[in-house]
Amino acid sequence: MKLLVTGGAGYVGSVCSAVLLANGHDVTIIDNFSVGNRDAVPAGAKLVEGNVADKALEVLSSDTFDGVVHFAALSLVGESVEEPSKYWRNNVGQTLSLLDAMRDTGTKNLVFSSTAATYGEPEKTPITEDMPTAPTNPYGATKLAMDYAISSYAKAYGIGATSLRYFNVAGAWGGFGENRRVETHLIPLILQVALGHREDIKIFGNDWPTPDGTAVRDYIHIKDLADAHLLALESNTPGNHRIFNLGSGDGFSVREVIDTCRKVTGHPIPAVEAPRRAGDPATLIASSQRAMEELGWRPRFTDLETIVADAWTFTQSLGDRAHSAHK
């Protein structure tokens, strides 16, 4: 397939682009490098530098594309609360421009990178796709708004679409991994301690209703996530918008993640207890049953030690390149 990948220089976008290329597909990336890294653009991918809103119609009009994978979005929860205008204009505005470009060029196949943040603070786990969506921050709200837009465009213009709502993605694959200027994810933050870039890792709350008192989260390996995007591209049907949750189906506490990182890195990794953060649920675990049944997707790298080891190998490989590609 000839595919357009928006945000293909970001963490998830770069790995997905590399997986698509490895499967013999032709990949064109649009990225403005506001978040992504130039050295994360996989060899073999064509690069168009700029904003999706400005470039999507130009690129899709230049040739016949078989599909689009849409990653380009701002994704920092705290920043979205402080600067909601930035998130609504970027995330929703650019997606609408992309959908219009797909409509105008007859491009009928879309996979959208969504998020578990659309569910907000669910009352129970594991989280299924039919549970209420109640995002607690503008980031999650913009992603949910995009899902609504995609549904209406799919119905009206015959676009086949899939939204993948994934949980805590981690790990690395094929020389591509997580290297963000502003890091908020637990595993890379812990690994920064192991590298000496941080003094310690904070544990936000030790009195959660969980086995060890720390919050529990579902971690999905980046390669499993990329494979799901490919399966969705291959099975979309015109006029139909599907939504799937993606996770490992298991939960690991903050203490378990820290202990695993200590084991993998051989570093003591000091941890400091801190008060709970407002809006943090005790447990978030995905039900991926629908994706397994309808996509035929099976997560293969669900062992936490494997996820951490892959992330650690990538993080060590960065050396002085860490964050240096952000210009």
C-alpha atoms as a PDB file:
ATOM      1  CA  MET A   1       0.000   0.000   0.000  1.00  0.00           C
ATOM      2  CA  LYS A   2       0.969   3.606  -0.555  1.00  0.00           C
ATOM      3  CA  LEU A   3       0.431   5.281   2.812  1.00  0.00           C
ATOM      4  CA  LEU A   4       0.541   8.733   4.341  1.00  0.00           C
ATOM      5  CA  VAL A   5       1.665   8.857   7.972  1.00  0.00           C
ATOM      6  CA  THR A   6       1.129  12.126   9.827  1.00  0.00           C
ATOM      7  CA  GLY A   7       3.424  12.700  12.786  1.00  0.00           C
ATOM      8  CA  GLY A   8       5.725   9.947  11.580  1.00  0.00           C
ATOM      9  CA  ALA A   9       8.762  11.432  13.339  1.00  0.00           C
ATOM     10  CA  GLY A  10       7.242  11.026  16.797  1.00  0.00           C
ATOM     11  CA  TYR A  11       7.644   8.024  19.080  1.00  0.00           C
ATOM     12  CA  VAL A  12       4.673   5.931  17.989  1.00  0.00           C
ATOM     13  CA  GLY A  13       4.642   7.344  14.459  1.00  0.00           C
ATOM     14  CA  SER A  14       8.281   6.490  13.783  1.00  0.00           C
ATOM     15  CA  VAL A  15       7.965   2.900  14.969  1.00  0.00           C
ATOM     16  CA  CYS A  16       4.734   2.414  13.033  1.00  0.00           C
ATOM     17  CA  SER A  17       6.333   3.884   9.903  1.00  0.00           C
ATOM     18  CA  ALA A  18       9.287   1.532  10.296  1.00  0.00           C
ATOM     19  CA  VAL A  19       6.961  -1.457  10.698  1.00  0.00           C
ATOM     20  CA  LEU A  20       4.961  -0.434   7.622  1.00  0.00           C
ATOM     21  CA  LEU A  21       8.170  -0.131   5.600  1.00  0.00           C
ATOM     22  CA  ALA A  22       9.387  -3.504   6.880  1.00  0.00           C
ATOM     23  CA  ASN A  23       6.140  -5.003   5.585  1.00  0.00           C
ATOM     24  CA  GLY A  24       6.807  -3.680   2.093  1.00  0.00           C
ATOM     25  CA  HIS A  25       4.581  -0.600   2.112  1.00  0.00           C
ATOM     26  CA  ASP A  26       5.404   2.810   0.603  1.00  0.00           C
ATOM     27  CA  VAL A  27       5.425   5.485   3.327  1.00  0.00           C
ATOM     28  CA  THR A  28       5.237   9.275   3.070  1.00  0.00           C
ATOM     29  CA  ILE A  29       5.537  11.203   6.350  1.00  0.00           C
ATOM     30  CA  ILE A  30       4.246  14.669   7.159  1.00  0.00           C
ATOM     31  CA  ASP A  31       5.830  16.156  10.282  1.00  0.00           C
ATOM     32  CA  ASN A  32       6.577  19.692  11.454  1.00  0.00           C
ATOM     33  CA  PHE A  33       9.107  18.521  14.092  1.00  0.00           C
ATOM     34  CA  SER A  34       7.434  20.484  16.869  1.00  0.00           C
ATOM     35  CA  VAL A  35       7.572  17.249  18.858  1.00  0.00           C
ATOM     36  CA  GLY A  36       9.207  14.630  16.629  1.00  0.00           C
ATOM     37  CA  ASN A  37      12.892  14.042  15.908  1.00  0.00           C
ATOM     38  CA  ARG A  38      14.514  14.311  12.505  1.00  0.00           C
ATOM     39  CA  ASP A  39      16.617  11.208  13.125  1.00  0.00           C
ATOM     40  CA  ALA A  40      13.426   9.255  13.885  1.00  0.00           C
ATOM     41  CA  VAL A  41      12.296   9.403  10.247  1.00  0.00           C
ATOM     42  CA  PRO A  42      12.926   5.830   9.039  1.00  0.00           C
ATOM     43  CA  ALA A  43      15.188   5.279   6.064  1.00  0.00           C
ATOM     44  CA  GLY A  44      13.072   4.633   3.007  1.00  0.00           C
ATOM     45  CA  ALA A  45      10.237   6.944   4.020  1.00  0.00           C
ATOM     46  CA  LYS A  46       9.564  10.089   2.009  1.00  0.00           C
ATOM     47  CA  LEU A  47       9.430  13.217   4.157  1.00  0.00           C
ATOM     48  CA  VAL A  48       7.252  16.281   3.695  1.00  0.00           C
ATOM     49  CA  GLU A  49       8.052  18.893   6.334  1.00  0.00           C
ATOM     50  CA  GLY A  50       5.192  21.081   7.528  1.00  0.00           C
ATOM     51  CA  ASN A  51       1.825  21.105   9.241  1.00  0.00           C
ATOM     52  CA  VAL A  52      -0.838  18.572   8.349  1.00  0.00           C
ATOM     53  CA  ALA A  53      -3.358  21.358   7.740  1.00  0.00           C
ATOM     54  CA  ASP A  54      -1.069  22.907   5.127  1.00  0.00           C
ATOM     55  CA  LYS A  55       0.320  19.777   3.466  1.00  0.00           C
ATOM     56  CA  ALA A  56      -2.318  17.030   3.551  1.00  0.00           C
ATOM     57  CA  LEU A  57      -4.253  18.053   0.441  1.00  0.00           C
ATOM     58  CA  GLU A  58      -1.049  18.737  -1.494  1.00  0.00           C
ATOM     59  CA  VAL A  59       0.392  15.320  -0.646  1.00  0.00           C
ATOM     60  CA  LEU A  60      -2.802  13.318  -1.168  1.00  0.00           C
ATOM     61  CA  SER A  61      -3.388  15.081  -4.495  1.00  0.00           C
ATOM     62  CA  SER A  62       0.102  14.228  -5.736  1.00  0.00           C
ATOM     63  CA  ASP A  63      -0.592  10.502  -6.146  1.00  0.00           C
ATOM     64  CA  THR A  64      -3.139   7.802  -5.337  1.00  0.00           C
ATOM     65  CA  PHE A  65      -2.819   6.856  -1.680  1.00  0.00           C
ATOM     66  CA  ASP A  66      -4.250   3.645  -0.265  1.00  0.00           C
ATOM     67  CA  GLY A  67      -4.521   4.893   3.269  1.00  0.00           C
ATOM     68  CA  VAL A  68      -3.645   7.379   5.989  1.00  0.00           C
ATOM     69  CA  VAL A  69      -2.350   6.777   9.519  1.00  0.00           C
ATOM     70  CA  HIS A  70      -2.905   9.865  11.667  1.00  0.00           C
ATOM     71  CA  PHE A  71      -0.597  10.361  14.660  1.00  0.00           C
ATOM     72  CA  ALA A  72       0.087  14.098  14.498  1.00  0.00           C
ATOM     73  CA  ALA A  73      -1.213  15.660  17.723  1.00  0.00           C
ATOM     74  CA  LEU A  74      -0.112  17.380  20.900  1.00  0.00           C
ATOM     75  CA  SER A  75      -0.392  14.990  23.820  1.00  0.00           C
ATOM     76  CA  LEU A  76       0.741  16.520  27.126  1.00  0.00           C
ATOM     77  CA  VAL A  77      -2.150  16.418  29.579  1.00  0.00           C
ATOM     78  CA  GLY A  78      -0.859  19.182  31.843  1.00  0.00           C
ATOM     79  CA  GLU A  79      -0.112  21.494  28.954  1.00  0.00           C
ATOM     80  CA  SER A  80      -3.575  20.897  27.524  1.00  0.00           C
ATOM     81  CA  VAL A  81      -5.092  22.155  30.784  1.00  0.00           C
ATOM     82  CA  GLU A  82      -2.890  25.256  30.757  1.00  0.00           C
ATOM     83  CA  GLU A  83      -3.230  25.972  27.024  1.00  0.00           C
ATOM     84  CA  PRO A  84      -6.502  24.469  25.771  1.00  0.00           C
ATOM     85  CA  SER A  85      -6.651  26.770  22.734  1.00  0.00           C
ATOM     86  CA  LYS A  86      -3.383  25.314  21.478  1.00  0.00           C
ATOM     87  CA  TYR A  87      -4.762  21.781  21.743  1.00  0.00           C
ATOM     88  CA  TRP A  88      -8.153  22.424  20.180  1.00  0.00           C
ATOM     89  CA  ARG A  89      -6.662  24.327  17.241  1.00  0.00           C
ATOM     90  CA  ASN A  90      -3.877  21.838  16.626  1.00  0.00           C
ATOM     91  CA  ASN A  91      -5.502  18.496  17.350  1.00  0.00           C
ATOM     92  CA  VAL A  92      -9.017  19.103  16.076  1.00  0.00           C
ATOM     93  CA  GLY A  93      -8.260  21.739  13.450  1.00  0.00           C
ATOM     94  CA  GLN A  94      -5.556  19.734  11.719  1.00  0.00           C
ATOM     95  CA  THR A  95      -7.616  16.554  11.803  1.00  0.00           C
ATOM     96  CA  LEU A  96     -10.532  18.300  10.105  1.00  0.00           C
ATOM     97  CA  SER A  97      -8.162  19.545   7.405  1.00  0.00           C
ATOM     98  CA  LEU A  98      -6.884  15.989   6.935  1.00  0.00           C
ATOM     99  CA  LEU A  99     -10.416  14.580   6.714  1.00  0.00           C
ATOM    100  CA  ASP A 100     -11.353  17.222   4.145  1.00  0.00           C
ATOM    101  CA  ALA A 101      -8.265  16.346   2.106  1.00  0.00           C
ATOM    102  CA  MET A 102      -9.200  12.648   2.236  1.00  0.00           C
ATOM    103  CA  ARG A 103     -12.744  13.470   1.127  1.00  0.00           C
ATOM    104  CA  ASP A 104     -11.568  15.712  -1.707  1.00  0.00           C
ATOM    105  CA  THR A 105      -9.056  13.156  -3.038  1.00  0.00           C
ATOM    106  CA  GLY A 106     -11.186  10.047  -2.561  1.00  0.00           C
ATOM    107  CA  THR A 107      -8.796   8.531  -0.019  1.00  0.00           C
ATOM    108  CA  LYS A 108     -10.990   6.037   1.828  1.00  0.00           C
ATOM    109  CA  ASN A 109      -8.801   4.318   4.437  1.00  0.00           C
ATOM    110  CA  LEU A 110      -7.890   5.893   7.815  1.00  0.00           C
ATOM    111  CA  VAL A 111      -6.362   4.676  11.063  1.00  0.00           C
ATOM    112  CA  PHE A 112      -6.459   7.213  13.887  1.00  0.00           C
ATOM    113  CA  SER A 113      -4.172   7.137  16.900  1.00  0.00           C
ATOM    114  CA  SER A 114      -6.551   7.820  19.780  1.00  0.00           C
ATOM    115  CA  THR A 115      -6.141   7.403  23.529  1.00  0.00           C
ATOM    116  CA  ALA A 116      -7.534   5.879  26.708  1.00  0.00           C
ATOM    117  CA  ALA A 117      -7.817   9.463  27.980  1.00  0.00           C
ATOM    118  CA  THR A 118     -11.194   9.592  26.217  1.00  0.00           C
ATOM    119  CA  TYR A 119     -12.593   7.483  29.086  1.00  0.00           C
ATOM    120  CA  GLY A 120     -11.455   9.844  31.840  1.00  0.00           C
ATOM    121  CA  GLU A 121     -11.699   8.151  35.237  1.00  0.00           C
ATOM    122  CA  PRO A 122     -13.651   4.927  34.607  1.00  0.00           C
ATOM    123  CA  GLU A 123     -15.580   3.377  37.466  1.00  0.00           C
ATOM    124  CA  LYS A 124     -14.323  -0.121  36.750  1.00  0.00           C
ATOM    125  CA  THR A 125     -11.667  -2.070  34.871  1.00  0.00           C
ATOM    126  CA  PRO A 126     -10.876  -3.623  32.505  1.00  0.00           C
ATOM    127  CA  ILE A 127     -12.097  -0.817  30.259  1.00  0.00           C
ATOM    128  CA  THR A 128     -14.258  -1.838  27.316  1.00  0.00           C
ATOM    129  CA  GLU A 129     -15.225   0.217  24.279  1.00  0.00           C
ATOM    130  CA  ASP A 130     -18.863   0.513  25.365  1.00  0.00           C
ATOM    131  CA  MET A 131     -18.014   2.263  28.634  1.00  0.00           C
ATOM    132  CA  PRO A 132     -18.905   5.978  28.928  1.00  0.00           C
ATOM    133  CA  THR A 133     -16.439   8.497  27.538  1.00  0.00           C
ATOM    134  CA  ALA A 134     -15.819  11.330  30.000  1.00  0.00           C
ATOM    135  CA  PRO A 135     -12.398  12.913  29.409  1.00  0.00           C
ATOM    136  CA  THR A 136     -11.070  14.925  32.346  1.00  0.00           C
ATOM    137  CA  ASN A 137      -8.694  17.175  30.381  1.00  0.00           C
ATOM    138  CA  PRO A 138      -8.622  19.017  27.037  1.00  0.00           C
ATOM    139  CA  TYR A 139      -6.198  16.497  25.523  1.00  0.00           C
ATOM    140  CA  GLY A 140      -8.645  13.627  26.012  1.00  0.00           C
ATOM    141  CA  ALA A 141     -11.518  15.852  24.928  1.00  0.00           C
ATOM    142  CA  THR A 142      -9.822  16.745  21.635  1.00  0.00           C
ATOM    143  CA  LYS A 143      -9.202  13.088  20.878  1.00  0.00           C
ATOM    144  CA  LEU A 144     -12.833  12.245  21.592  1.00  0.00           C
ATOM    145  CA  ALA A 145     -13.972  15.131  19.383  1.00  0.00           C
ATOM    146  CA  MET A 146     -11.823  13.727  16.566  1.00  0.00           C
ATOM    147  CA  ASP A 147     -13.482  10.337  16.998  1.00  0.00           C
ATOM    148  CA  TYR A 148     -16.887  11.965  16.558  1.00  0.00           C
ATOM    149  CA  ALA A 149     -15.675  13.827  13.461  1.00  0.00           C
ATOM    150  CA  ILE A 150     -14.256  10.639  11.955  1.00  0.00           C
ATOM    151  CA  SER A 151     -17.543   8.804  12.522  1.00  0.00           C
ATOM    152  CA  SER A 152     -19.525  11.460  10.683  1.00  0.00           C
ATOM    153  CA  TYR A 153     -17.051  11.682   7.797  1.00  0.00           C
ATOM    154  CA  ALA A 154     -16.987   7.881   7.489  1.00  0.00           C
ATOM    155  CA  LYS A 155     -20.766   7.734   7.213  1.00  0.00           C
ATOM    156  CA  ALA A 156     -21.164  10.700   4.868  1.00  0.00           C
ATOM    157  CA  TYR A 157     -18.166  10.208   2.575  1.00  0.00           C
ATOM    158  CA  GLY A 158     -17.575   6.460   2.613  1.00  0.00           C
ATOM    159  CA  ILE A 159     -14.298   6.525   4.505  1.00  0.00           C
ATOM    160  CA  GLY A 160     -13.311   3.298   6.222  1.00  0.00           C
ATOM    161  CA  ALA A 161     -11.775   4.201   9.579  1.00  0.00           C
ATOM    162  CA  THR A 162     -10.449   2.719  12.798  1.00  0.00           C
ATOM    163  CA  SER A 163      -9.628   4.559  16.027  1.00  0.00           C
ATOM    164  CA  LEU A 164      -7.152   2.802  18.306  1.00  0.00           C
ATOM    165  CA  ARG A 165      -7.448   3.843  21.934  1.00  0.00           C
ATOM    166  CA  TYR A 166      -4.303   2.668  23.619  1.00  0.00           C
ATOM    167  CA  PHE A 167      -3.056   2.902  27.125  1.00  0.00           C
ATOM    168  CA  ASN A 168       0.561   3.225  28.306  1.00  0.00           C
ATOM    169  CA  VAL A 169       2.756   2.498  25.299  1.00  0.00           C
ATOM    170  CA  ALA A 170       6.379   1.649  26.071  1.00  0.00           C
ATOM    171  CA  GLY A 171       9.425  -0.163  24.740  1.00  0.00           C
ATOM    172  CA  ALA A 172      11.301   0.258  21.465  1.00  0.00           C
ATOM    173  CA  TRP A 173      11.716  -1.527  18.145  1.00  0.00           C
ATOM    174  CA  GLY A 174      14.098  -1.481  15.191  1.00  0.00           C
ATOM    175  CA  GLY A 175      16.259   1.314  16.541  1.00  0.00           C
ATOM    176  CA  PHE A 176      13.277   3.593  17.181  1.00  0.00           C
ATOM    177  CA  GLY A 177      11.957   4.531  20.595  1.00  0.00           C
ATOM    178  CA  GLU A 178      10.910   7.255  22.993  1.00  0.00           C
ATOM    179  CA  ASN A 179      13.017  10.437  22.937  1.00  0.00           C
ATOM    180  CA  ARG A 180      10.840  13.406  23.770  1.00  0.00           C
ATOM    181  CA  ARG A 181      11.853  16.901  24.839  1.00  0.00           C
ATOM    182  CA  VAL A 182       9.240  16.906  27.612  1.00  0.00           C
ATOM    183  CA  GLU A 183       8.905  13.439  29.090  1.00  0.00           C
ATOM    184  CA  THR A 184       5.906  12.455  31.208  1.00  0.00           C
ATOM    185  CA  HIS A 185       5.810   8.651  30.840  1.00  0.00           C
ATOM    186  CA  LEU A 186       6.878   6.542  33.791  1.00  0.00           C
ATOM    187  CA  ILE A 187       9.307   4.063  32.207  1.00  0.00           C
ATOM    188  CA  PRO A 188      11.479   6.603  30.333  1.00  0.00           C
ATOM    189  CA  LEU A 189      11.496   8.845  33.424  1.00  0.00           C
ATOM    190  CA  ILE A 190      12.773   5.949  35.528  1.00  0.00           C
ATOM    191  CA  LEU A 191      15.415   5.141  32.914  1.00  0.00           C
ATOM    192  CA  GLN A 192      16.568   8.757  33.020  1.00  0.00           C
ATOM    193  CA  VAL A 193      17.347   8.182  36.703  1.00  0.00           C
ATOM    194  CA  ALA A 194      19.378   5.109  35.774  1.00  0.00           C
ATOM    195  CA  LEU A 195      21.336   7.204  33.271  1.00  0.00           C
ATOM    196  CA  GLY A 196      22.019   9.900  35.856  1.00  0.00           C
ATOM    197  CA  HIS A 197      19.813  12.512  34.182  1.00  0.00           C
ATOM    198  CA  ARG A 198      17.474  12.653  37.199  1.00  0.00           C
ATOM    199  CA  GLU A 199      18.161  12.178  40.886  1.00  0.00           C
ATOM    200  CA  ASP A 200      15.109  10.083  41.654  1.00  0.00           C
ATOM    201  CA  ILE A 201      11.665   8.997  40.527  1.00  0.00           C
ATOM    202  CA  LYS A 202       8.548  10.201  42.291  1.00  0.00           C
ATOM    203  CA  ILE A 203       5.771   7.861  43.392  1.00  0.00           C
ATOM    204  CA  PHE A 204       2.530   9.838  43.462  1.00  0.00           C
ATOM    205  CA  GLY A 205       0.521   8.247  46.231  1.00  0.00           C
ATOM    206  CA  ASN A 206       1.194   5.134  48.319  1.00  0.00           C
ATOM    207  CA  ASP A 207      -2.334   4.604  49.637  1.00  0.00           C
ATOM    208  CA  TRP A 208      -4.237   3.609  46.502  1.00  0.00           C
ATOM    209  CA  PRO A 209      -6.643   0.634  46.773  1.00  0.00           C
ATOM    210  CA  THR A 210      -4.146  -1.652  45.012  1.00  0.00           C
ATOM    211  CA  PRO A 211      -2.024  -4.585  46.259  1.00  0.00           C
ATOM    212  CA  ASP A 212       1.021  -2.430  47.102  1.00  0.00           C
ATOM    213  CA  GLY A 213      -0.667   0.960  47.456  1.00  0.00           C
ATOM    214  CA  THR A 214       0.700   2.450  44.230  1.00  0.00           C
ATOM    215  CA  ALA A 215      -1.250   3.122  41.048  1.00  0.00           C
ATOM    216  CA  VAL A 216      -1.648   0.285  38.533  1.00  0.00           C
ATOM    217  CA  ARG A 217      -1.402   0.755  34.769  1.00  0.00           C
ATOM    218  CA  ASP A 218      -1.569  -1.367  31.614  1.00  0.00           C
ATOM    219  CA  TYR A 219       1.574  -1.214  29.436  1.00  0.00           C
ATOM    220  CA  ILE A 220       1.546  -2.098  25.742  1.00  0.00           C
ATOM    221  CA  HIS A 221       4.715  -2.755  23.760  1.00  0.00           C
ATOM    222  CA  ILE A 222       5.244  -0.345  20.870  1.00  0.00           C
ATOM    223  CA  LYS A 223       5.690  -3.165  18.334  1.00  0.00           C
ATOM    224  CA  ASP A 224       2.368  -4.738  19.317  1.00  0.00           C
ATOM    225  CA  LEU A 225       0.768  -1.331  18.903  1.00  0.00           C
ATOM    226  CA  ALA A 226       2.287  -0.819  15.452  1.00  0.00           C
ATOM    227  CA  ASP A 227       1.083  -4.248  14.360  1.00  0.00           C
ATOM    228  CA  ALA A 228      -2.464  -3.265  15.333  1.00  0.00           C
ATOM    229  CA  HIS A 229      -2.289  -0.202  13.073  1.00  0.00           C
ATOM    230  CA  LEU A 230      -1.325  -2.401  10.136  1.00  0.00           C
ATOM    231  CA  LEU A 231      -4.121  -4.883  10.836  1.00  0.00           C
ATOM    232  CA  ALA A 232      -6.597  -2.007  10.976  1.00  0.00           C
ATOM    233  CA  LEU A 233      -5.403  -0.608   7.631  1.00  0.00           C
ATOM    234  CA  GLU A 234      -5.807  -3.996   6.026  1.00  0.00           C
ATOM    235  CA  SER A 235      -9.361  -4.543   7.287  1.00  0.00           C
ATOM    236  CA  ASN A 236     -11.130  -1.167   7.140  1.00  0.00           C
ATOM    237  CA  THR A 237     -14.369  -1.133   5.167  1.00  0.00           C
ATOM    238  CA  PRO A 238     -15.885   1.945   3.452  1.00  0.00           C
ATOM    239  CA  GLY A 239     -18.359   3.910   5.560  1.00  0.00           C
ATOM    240  CA  ASN A 240     -17.553   2.063   8.770  1.00  0.00           C
ATOM    241  CA  HIS A 241     -15.740   3.570  11.779  1.00  0.00           C
ATOM    242  CA  ARG A 242     -14.485   1.063  14.347  1.00  0.00           C
ATOM    243  CA  ILE A 243     -13.045   1.768  17.801  1.00  0.00           C
ATOM    244  CA  PHE A 244     -10.716  -0.621  19.602  1.00  0.00           C
ATOM    245  CA  ASN A 245      -8.977  -0.472  22.972  1.00  0.00           C
ATOM    246  CA  LEU A 246      -5.420  -1.772  22.990  1.00  0.00           C
ATOM    247  CA  GLY A 247      -3.461  -2.923  26.004  1.00  0.00           C
ATOM    248  CA  SER A 248      -1.676  -5.936  27.371  1.00  0.00           C
ATOM    249  CA  GLY A 249      -4.639  -6.844  29.557  1.00  0.00           C
ATOM    250  CA  ASP A 250      -2.413  -6.900  32.649  1.00  0.00           C
ATOM    251  CA  GLY A 251      -1.714  -4.202  35.205  1.00  0.00           C
ATOM    252  CA  PHE A 252       1.598  -3.330  36.829  1.00  0.00           C
ATOM    253  CA  SER A 253       1.974  -1.052  39.823  1.00  0.00           C
ATOM    254  CA  VAL A 254       4.391   1.866  39.950  1.00  0.00           C
ATOM    255  CA  ARG A 255       6.523  -0.067  42.443  1.00  0.00           C
ATOM    256  CA  GLU A 256       6.576  -3.114  40.157  1.00  0.00           C
ATOM    257  CA  VAL A 257       7.726  -0.952  37.246  1.00  0.00           C
ATOM    258  CA  ILE A 258      10.474   0.641  39.336  1.00  0.00           C
ATOM    259  CA  ASP A 259      11.657  -2.756  40.609  1.00  0.00           C
ATOM    260  CA  THR A 260      11.723  -4.123  37.052  1.00  0.00           C
ATOM    261  CA  CYS A 261      13.756  -1.136  35.882  1.00  0.00           C
ATOM    262  CA  ARG A 262      16.189  -1.706  38.748  1.00  0.00           C
ATOM    263  CA  LYS A 263      16.581  -5.329  37.703  1.00  0.00           C
ATOM    264  CA  VAL A 264      17.076  -4.544  34.006  1.00  0.00           C
ATOM    265  CA  THR A 265      19.457  -1.594  34.461  1.00  0.00           C
ATOM    266  CA  GLY A 266      21.350  -2.774  37.545  1.00  0.00           C
ATOM    267  CA  HIS A 267      20.854   0.722  38.984  1.00  0.00           C
ATOM    268  CA  PRO A 268      19.391   1.336  42.483  1.00  0.00           C
ATOM    269  CA  ILE A 269      16.993   4.043  41.132  1.00  0.00           C
ATOM    270  CA  PRO A 270      16.053   6.044  44.237  1.00  0.00           C
ATOM    271  CA  ALA A 271      12.293   6.557  44.628  1.00  0.00           C
ATOM    272  CA  VAL A 272      10.624   9.350  46.566  1.00  0.00           C
ATOM    273  CA  GLU A 273       7.025   9.221  47.738  1.00  0.00           C
ATOM    274  CA  ALA A 274       4.860  12.237  46.897  1.00  0.00           C
ATOM    275  CA  PRO A 275       1.173  13.134  47.330  1.00  0.00           C
ATOM    276  CA  ARG A 276      -1.412  11.822  44.883  1.00  0.00           C
ATOM    277  CA  ARG A 277      -1.993  13.890  41.772  1.00  0.00           C
ATOM    278  CA  ALA A 278      -5.513  15.161  41.178  1.00  0.00           C
ATOM    279  CA  GLY A 279      -7.342  13.141  38.553  1.00  0.00           C
ATOM    280  CA  ASP A 280      -5.160  10.043  38.753  1.00  0.00           C
ATOM    281  CA  PRO A 281      -7.257   6.842  38.851  1.00  0.00           C
ATOM    282  CA  ALA A 282      -6.038   3.962  41.012  1.00  0.00           C
ATOM    283  CA  THR A 283      -6.153   1.378  38.217  1.00  0.00           C
ATOM    284  CA  LEU A 284      -6.355   1.561  34.417  1.00  0.00           C
ATOM    285  CA  ILE A 285      -6.388  -1.718  32.506  1.00  0.00           C
ATOM    286  CA  ALA A 286      -7.658  -2.203  28.960  1.00  0.00           C
ATOM    287  CA  SER A 287      -9.885  -4.912  27.626  1.00  0.00           C
ATOM    288  CA  SER A 288      -8.568  -5.724  24.147  1.00  0.00           C
ATOM    289  CA  GLN A 289     -11.085  -8.494  23.541  1.00  0.00           C
ATOM    290  CA  ARG A 290     -12.815  -6.669  20.695  1.00  0.00           C
ATOM    291  CA  ALA A 291      -9.511  -6.040  18.888  1.00  0.00           C
ATOM    292  CA  MET A 292      -8.576  -9.689  19.299  1.00  0.00           C
ATOM    293  CA  GLU A 293     -11.897 -10.892  17.918  1.00  0.00           C
ATOM    294  CA  GLU A 294     -12.352  -8.415  15.062  1.00  0.00           C
ATOM    295  CA  LEU A 295      -8.769  -7.524  14.090  1.00  0.00           C
ATOM    296  CA  GLY A 296      -7.159 -10.824  14.919  1.00  0.00           C
ATOM    297  CA  TRP A 297      -4.651  -8.861  17.020  1.00  0.00           C
ATOM    298  CA  ARG A 298      -2.600 -10.598  19.693  1.00  0.00           C
ATOM    299  CA  PRO A 299      -0.086  -8.739  21.883  1.00  0.00           C
ATOM    300  CA  ARG A 300       3.151 -10.724  21.872  1.00  0.00           C
ATOM    301  CA  PHE A 301       5.428  -8.651  24.095  1.00  0.00           C
ATOM    302  CA  THR A 302       3.409  -8.442  27.307  1.00  0.00           C
ATOM    303  CA  ASP A 303       6.212  -9.269  29.749  1.00  0.00           C
ATOM    304  CA  LEU A 304       7.168  -6.106  31.645  1.00  0.00           C
ATOM    305  CA  GLU A 305      10.852  -7.043  31.742  1.00  0.00           C
ATOM    306  CA  THR A 306      10.918  -7.342  27.945  1.00  0.00           C
ATOM    307  CA  ILE A 307       9.228  -3.954  27.541  1.00  0.00           C
ATOM    308  CA  VAL A 308      11.691  -2.279  29.921  1.00  0.00           C
ATOM    309  CA  ALA A 309      14.721  -4.045  28.419  1.00  0.00           C
ATOM    310  CA  ASP A 310      13.834  -2.849  24.908  1.00  0.00           C
ATOM    311  CA  ALA A 311      13.326   0.703  26.175  1.00  0.00           C
ATOM    312  CA  TRP A 312      16.640   0.560  28.087  1.00  0.00           C
ATOM    313  CA  THR A 313      18.579  -0.646  25.048  1.00  0.00           C
ATOM    314  CA  PHE A 314      17.202   2.231  22.994  1.00  0.00           C
ATOM    315  CA  THR A 315      17.748   4.812  25.727  1.00  0.00           C
ATOM    316  CA  GLN A 316      21.384   3.767  26.120  1.00  0.00           C
ATOM    317  CA  SER A 317      21.902   3.935  22.357  1.00  0.00           C
ATOM    318  CA  LEU A 318      20.926   7.604  22.287  1.00  0.00           C
ATOM    319  CA  GLY A 319      23.969   8.837  24.170  1.00  0.00           C
ATOM    320  CA  ASP A 320      24.516  12.487  23.338  1.00  0.00           C
ATOM    321  CA  ARG A 321      21.728  12.322  20.748  1.00  0.00           C
ATOM    322  CA  ALA A 322      19.072  12.365  23.470  1.00  0.00           C
ATOM    323  CA  HIS A 323      16.724  15.234  22.697  1.00  0.00           C
ATOM    324  CA  SER A 324      19.362  16.816  20.436  1.00  0.00           C
ATOM    325  CA  ALA A 325      17.288  16.399  17.285  1.00  0.00           C
ATOM    326  CA  HIS A 326      14.603  18.789  18.501  1.00  0.00           C
ATOM    327  CA  LYS A 327      15.203  21.973  16.541  1.00  0.00           C
END
